[in-house]
């Protein structure tokens, strides 16, 4: 897929390898009421994405990456955490 400058958007940014969250990170996410599985009220997905990016991928320079790619990374991370590697296969 190319953008208006004929740059291949899919390969323009190297995203980090998807990691599953640790139990401690899940507990912290639940304390913040961000886990859709345990939240009494549906959490704001933007806050969930921010939490995952800031907690799991804090060393990744994400400021110039298109947001939709970061959302996919965060959601793949969440899905891998609960469902393992098979949960993110295309």
N, C-alpha and C. Protein backbone atom coordinates (compact mmCIF):
# COMPACT_ATOMS: atom_id res chain seq x y z
N UNK A 1 0.84 -1.17 0.00
CA UNK A 1 0.00 0.00 0.00
C UNK A 1 0.89 1.24 0.00
N UNK A 2 0.67 2.14 -0.92
CA UNK A 2 1.49 3.35 -1.02
C UNK A 2 0.68 4.58 -0.70
N UNK A 3 1.33 5.58 -0.10
CA UNK A 3 0.65 6.84 0.17
C UNK A 3 0.85 7.79 -1.00
N UNK A 4 0.43 9.03 -0.84
CA UNK A 4 0.48 9.99 -1.95
C UNK A 4 1.90 10.29 -2.43
N UNK A 5 2.90 9.98 -1.63
CA UNK A 5 4.29 10.21 -2.01
C UNK A 5 4.97 8.93 -2.52
N UNK A 6 4.15 7.93 -2.85
CA UNK A 6 4.64 6.64 -3.33
C UNK A 6 5.57 5.96 -2.33
N UNK A 7 5.31 6.17 -1.04
CA UNK A 7 6.07 5.51 0.00
C UNK A 7 5.26 4.32 0.48
N UNK A 8 5.89 3.19 0.59
CA UNK A 8 5.21 1.99 1.06
C UNK A 8 4.94 2.15 2.55
N UNK A 9 3.69 2.42 2.89
CA UNK A 9 3.31 2.71 4.27
C UNK A 9 3.51 1.51 5.17
N UNK A 10 3.28 0.31 4.68
CA UNK A 10 3.40 -0.88 5.50
C UNK A 10 4.83 -1.13 5.96
N UNK A 11 5.82 -0.75 5.17
CA UNK A 11 7.21 -1.01 5.52
C UNK A 11 7.95 0.25 5.97
N UNK A 12 7.26 1.37 5.98
CA UNK A 12 7.91 2.63 6.33
C UNK A 12 8.36 2.65 7.79
N UNK A 13 7.60 2.03 8.66
CA UNK A 13 7.90 2.03 10.09
C UNK A 13 8.03 0.60 10.57
N UNK A 14 9.15 0.30 11.17
CA UNK A 14 9.38 -1.03 11.73
C UNK A 14 8.82 -1.05 13.14
N UNK A 15 7.73 -1.77 13.30
CA UNK A 15 7.12 -1.89 14.62
C UNK A 15 7.83 -2.96 15.42
N UNK A 16 7.81 -2.84 16.74
CA UNK A 16 8.45 -3.87 17.56
C UNK A 16 7.68 -5.19 17.48
N UNK A 17 8.34 -6.25 17.83
CA UNK A 17 7.69 -7.56 17.88
C UNK A 17 6.62 -7.51 18.96
N UNK A 18 5.50 -8.13 18.69
CA UNK A 18 4.38 -8.14 19.63
C UNK A 18 4.77 -8.98 20.85
N UNK A 19 4.50 -8.42 22.03
CA UNK A 19 4.81 -9.10 23.28
C UNK A 19 3.52 -9.29 24.07
N UNK A 20 3.43 -10.36 24.79
CA UNK A 20 2.32 -10.55 25.72
C UNK A 20 2.63 -9.78 27.00
N UNK A 21 1.60 -9.24 27.62
CA UNK A 21 1.79 -8.53 28.89
C UNK A 21 2.01 -9.54 30.01
N UNK A 22 2.74 -9.11 31.01
CA UNK A 22 2.97 -9.95 32.18
C UNK A 22 1.77 -9.88 33.12
N UNK A 23 1.72 -10.78 34.05
CA UNK A 23 0.64 -10.77 35.03
C UNK A 23 0.64 -9.45 35.82
N UNK A 24 1.82 -8.97 36.17
CA UNK A 24 1.92 -7.70 36.89
C UNK A 24 1.37 -6.53 36.07
N UNK A 25 1.65 -6.53 34.78
CA UNK A 25 1.14 -5.47 33.91
C UNK A 25 -0.38 -5.56 33.76
N UNK A 26 -0.91 -6.78 33.70
CA UNK A 26 -2.36 -6.97 33.64
C UNK A 26 -3.00 -6.46 34.93
N UNK A 27 -2.41 -6.80 36.08
CA UNK A 27 -2.95 -6.34 37.36
C UNK A 27 -2.99 -4.82 37.41
N UNK A 28 -1.94 -4.17 36.95
CA UNK A 28 -1.89 -2.71 36.94
C UNK A 28 -2.95 -2.14 36.00
N UNK A 29 -3.13 -2.76 34.84
CA UNK A 29 -4.14 -2.32 33.89
C UNK A 29 -5.53 -2.44 34.51
N UNK A 30 -5.75 -3.51 35.25
CA UNK A 30 -7.05 -3.70 35.91
C UNK A 30 -7.27 -2.68 37.02
N UNK A 31 -6.22 -2.35 37.76
CA UNK A 31 -6.34 -1.32 38.80
C UNK A 31 -6.78 0.01 38.20
N UNK A 32 -6.33 0.27 36.98
CA UNK A 32 -6.68 1.51 36.29
C UNK A 32 -8.03 1.40 35.57
N UNK A 33 -8.71 0.25 35.73
CA UNK A 33 -10.01 -0.01 35.12
C UNK A 33 -9.96 0.09 33.59
N UNK A 34 -8.88 -0.42 32.99
CA UNK A 34 -8.71 -0.35 31.54
C UNK A 34 -8.94 -1.68 30.83
N UNK A 35 -9.06 -2.75 31.58
CA UNK A 35 -9.21 -4.07 30.97
C UNK A 35 -10.69 -4.32 30.65
N UNK A 36 -11.04 -4.41 29.37
CA UNK A 36 -12.45 -4.64 29.01
C UNK A 36 -13.03 -5.93 29.60
N UNK A 37 -12.18 -6.89 29.92
CA UNK A 37 -12.66 -8.16 30.47
C UNK A 37 -13.19 -7.98 31.89
N UNK A 38 -12.58 -7.11 32.67
CA UNK A 38 -12.95 -6.99 34.08
C UNK A 38 -13.57 -5.64 34.44
N UNK A 39 -13.55 -4.68 33.55
CA UNK A 39 -14.07 -3.35 33.88
C UNK A 39 -15.57 -3.37 34.06
N UNK A 40 -16.04 -2.65 35.07
CA UNK A 40 -17.48 -2.55 35.30
C UNK A 40 -18.14 -1.70 34.21
N UNK A 41 -17.45 -0.68 33.77
CA UNK A 41 -17.92 0.17 32.68
C UNK A 41 -16.89 0.05 31.57
N UNK A 42 -17.34 -0.05 30.34
CA UNK A 42 -16.41 -0.20 29.21
C UNK A 42 -15.36 0.91 29.24
N UNK A 43 -14.09 0.54 29.24
CA UNK A 43 -13.02 1.54 29.29
C UNK A 43 -12.87 2.28 27.96
N UNK A 44 -12.23 3.41 28.04
CA UNK A 44 -11.91 4.21 26.86
C UNK A 44 -10.77 3.50 26.13
N UNK A 45 -10.99 3.10 24.88
CA UNK A 45 -9.96 2.37 24.13
C UNK A 45 -8.69 3.19 23.94
N UNK A 46 -8.83 4.50 23.84
CA UNK A 46 -7.65 5.35 23.68
C UNK A 46 -6.73 5.22 24.89
N UNK A 47 -7.31 5.19 26.07
CA UNK A 47 -6.51 5.04 27.29
C UNK A 47 -5.86 3.66 27.35
N UNK A 48 -6.58 2.64 26.89
CA UNK A 48 -6.02 1.29 26.85
C UNK A 48 -4.84 1.23 25.90
N UNK A 49 -4.98 1.80 24.72
CA UNK A 49 -3.88 1.85 23.74
C UNK A 49 -2.69 2.59 24.33
N UNK A 50 -2.94 3.75 24.93
CA UNK A 50 -1.85 4.53 25.54
C UNK A 50 -1.16 3.73 26.63
N UNK A 51 -1.93 3.06 27.48
CA UNK A 51 -1.35 2.27 28.56
C UNK A 51 -0.42 1.19 28.00
N UNK A 52 -0.90 0.46 26.99
CA UNK A 52 -0.09 -0.61 26.41
C UNK A 52 1.17 -0.06 25.77
N UNK A 53 1.04 1.01 25.00
CA UNK A 53 2.22 1.58 24.34
C UNK A 53 3.23 2.11 25.35
N UNK A 54 2.74 2.79 26.38
CA UNK A 54 3.63 3.40 27.37
C UNK A 54 4.24 2.36 28.32
N UNK A 55 3.52 1.26 28.56
CA UNK A 55 4.00 0.25 29.50
C UNK A 55 4.83 -0.83 28.83
N UNK A 56 4.34 -1.36 27.73
CA UNK A 56 4.99 -2.50 27.09
C UNK A 56 6.07 -2.07 26.10
N UNK A 57 5.82 -0.97 25.41
CA UNK A 57 6.73 -0.52 24.35
C UNK A 57 7.31 0.85 24.65
N UNK A 58 7.64 1.09 25.90
CA UNK A 58 8.12 2.41 26.32
C UNK A 58 9.42 2.82 25.62
N UNK A 59 10.21 1.86 25.17
CA UNK A 59 11.47 2.18 24.51
C UNK A 59 11.32 2.37 23.00
N UNK A 60 10.11 2.21 22.49
CA UNK A 60 9.85 2.34 21.05
C UNK A 60 9.48 3.78 20.72
N UNK A 61 10.14 4.34 19.72
CA UNK A 61 9.86 5.70 19.25
C UNK A 61 8.61 5.68 18.39
N UNK A 62 7.49 6.06 18.95
CA UNK A 62 6.22 5.92 18.23
C UNK A 62 5.64 7.24 17.73
N UNK A 63 6.26 8.33 18.03
CA UNK A 63 5.68 9.65 17.72
C UNK A 63 5.39 9.88 16.24
N UNK A 64 6.14 9.28 15.35
CA UNK A 64 5.95 9.52 13.91
C UNK A 64 5.23 8.36 13.20
N UNK A 65 4.83 7.36 13.96
CA UNK A 65 4.15 6.21 13.39
C UNK A 65 2.66 6.53 13.25
N UNK A 66 2.05 6.19 12.13
CA UNK A 66 0.60 6.42 11.99
C UNK A 66 -0.17 5.74 13.13
N UNK A 67 -1.13 6.47 13.66
CA UNK A 67 -1.84 6.00 14.85
C UNK A 67 -2.53 4.65 14.63
N UNK A 68 -3.10 4.43 13.46
CA UNK A 68 -3.79 3.15 13.23
C UNK A 68 -2.85 1.97 13.39
N UNK A 69 -1.57 2.16 13.06
CA UNK A 69 -0.60 1.07 13.22
C UNK A 69 -0.31 0.81 14.70
N UNK A 70 -0.31 1.90 15.49
CA UNK A 70 -0.09 1.76 16.93
C UNK A 70 -1.29 1.09 17.61
N UNK A 71 -2.49 1.43 17.15
CA UNK A 71 -3.70 0.80 17.68
C UNK A 71 -3.64 -0.70 17.40
N UNK A 72 -3.27 -1.07 16.19
CA UNK A 72 -3.17 -2.50 15.84
C UNK A 72 -2.12 -3.20 16.71
N UNK A 73 -0.98 -2.55 16.92
CA UNK A 73 0.06 -3.12 17.77
C UNK A 73 -0.49 -3.34 19.18
N UNK A 74 -1.17 -2.34 19.72
CA UNK A 74 -1.71 -2.45 21.08
C UNK A 74 -2.77 -3.54 21.16
N UNK A 75 -3.66 -3.60 20.18
CA UNK A 75 -4.72 -4.61 20.21
C UNK A 75 -4.16 -6.02 20.00
N UNK A 76 -3.15 -6.15 19.15
CA UNK A 76 -2.49 -7.45 18.98
C UNK A 76 -1.82 -7.88 20.29
N UNK A 77 -1.23 -6.92 20.99
CA UNK A 77 -0.60 -7.20 22.28
C UNK A 77 -1.64 -7.70 23.28
N UNK A 78 -2.75 -6.99 23.35
CA UNK A 78 -3.83 -7.38 24.26
C UNK A 78 -4.34 -8.78 23.91
N UNK A 79 -4.58 -9.03 22.63
CA UNK A 79 -5.09 -10.32 22.20
C UNK A 79 -4.10 -11.44 22.46
N UNK A 80 -2.82 -11.18 22.26
CA UNK A 80 -1.80 -12.19 22.53
C UNK A 80 -1.74 -12.49 24.03
N UNK A 81 -1.92 -11.48 24.84
CA UNK A 81 -1.87 -11.67 26.29
C UNK A 81 -2.93 -12.65 26.75
N UNK A 82 -4.12 -12.55 26.21
CA UNK A 82 -5.22 -13.44 26.61
C UNK A 82 -5.31 -14.72 25.80
N UNK A 83 -4.90 -14.68 24.53
CA UNK A 83 -5.10 -15.83 23.68
C UNK A 83 -3.85 -16.50 23.16
N UNK A 84 -2.69 -15.97 23.48
CA UNK A 84 -1.45 -16.55 22.99
C UNK A 84 -1.19 -16.20 21.54
N UNK A 85 -0.10 -16.71 20.98
CA UNK A 85 0.28 -16.36 19.59
C UNK A 85 -0.79 -16.67 18.55
N UNK A 86 -1.59 -17.70 18.77
CA UNK A 86 -2.63 -18.03 17.78
C UNK A 86 -3.69 -16.93 17.67
N UNK A 87 -3.84 -16.13 18.70
CA UNK A 87 -4.87 -15.08 18.70
C UNK A 87 -4.56 -13.94 17.76
N UNK A 88 -3.32 -13.83 17.29
CA UNK A 88 -2.95 -12.71 16.43
C UNK A 88 -2.57 -13.13 15.01
N UNK A 89 -2.70 -14.39 14.70
CA UNK A 89 -2.37 -14.84 13.35
C UNK A 89 -3.37 -14.26 12.38
N UNK A 90 -2.87 -13.85 11.21
CA UNK A 90 -3.75 -13.25 10.19
C UNK A 90 -4.57 -14.30 9.51
